[in-house]
Amino acid sequence: LSLRYGNLFYNPFHALSIVFLYGSVLLFAMHGATILAVGRYGGEREI
């Protein structure tokens, strides 16, 4: 483990996996929020 270096983020692959995981979760949350907003408030209608 990289605990002897002080923190887990010393490992670049571990840091990249965390960034990829949080990025995909954020992208999925944005995607779901867009679908919910359009479906609930009628965003498909033009003004």
Protein backbone atom coordinates (compact mmCIF):
# COMPACT_ATOMS: atom_id res chain seq x y z
CA LEU A 1 0.00 0.00 0.00
CA SER A 2 0.96 3.64 -0.35
CA LEU A 3 0.06 4.41 3.26
CA ARG A 4 3.75 4.72 4.10
CA TYR A 5 3.95 7.80 1.88
CA GLY A 6 1.41 9.64 4.03
CA ASN A 7 -1.77 9.51 1.94
CA LEU A 8 -3.51 7.32 -0.61
CA PHE A 9 -3.45 10.03 -3.27
CA TYR A 10 0.28 9.52 -3.70
CA ASN A 11 -0.60 6.63 -5.98
CA PRO A 12 -1.42 8.14 -9.41
CA PHE A 13 -3.56 5.19 -10.52
CA HIS A 14 -5.62 5.33 -7.35
CA ALA A 15 -6.11 9.08 -7.78
CA LEU A 16 -7.13 8.62 -11.43
CA SER A 17 -9.61 5.90 -10.46
CA ILE A 18 -11.16 8.19 -7.85
CA VAL A 19 -11.38 11.07 -10.34
CA PHE A 20 -12.94 8.77 -12.96
CA LEU A 21 -15.45 7.38 -10.44
CA TYR A 22 -16.52 10.79 -9.13
CA GLY A 23 -16.64 12.18 -12.68
CA SER A 24 -18.88 9.38 -13.93
CA VAL A 25 -21.15 9.75 -10.87
CA LEU A 26 -21.39 13.51 -11.47
CA LEU A 27 -22.12 12.97 -15.17
CA PHE A 28 -24.84 10.41 -14.34
CA ALA A 29 -26.38 12.80 -11.79
CA MET A 30 -26.44 15.64 -14.33
CA HIS A 31 -27.98 13.31 -16.92
CA GLY A 32 -30.71 12.17 -14.52
CA ALA A 33 -31.45 15.72 -13.36
CA THR A 34 -31.83 16.85 -16.98
CA ILE A 35 -34.26 14.02 -17.73
CA LEU A 36 -36.29 14.75 -14.58
CA ALA A 37 -36.40 18.50 -15.27
CA VAL A 38 -37.49 18.06 -18.90
CA GLY A 39 -40.04 15.38 -18.06
CA ARG A 40 -41.61 17.21 -15.14
CA TYR A 41 -41.65 20.83 -16.26
CA GLY A 42 -42.28 20.31 -19.97
CA GLY A 43 -38.96 21.51 -21.29
CA GLU A 44 -39.61 19.96 -24.70
CA ARG A 45 -42.16 22.68 -25.54
CA GLU A 46 -40.94 25.75 -27.38
CA ILE A 47 -41.89 29.20 -26.21
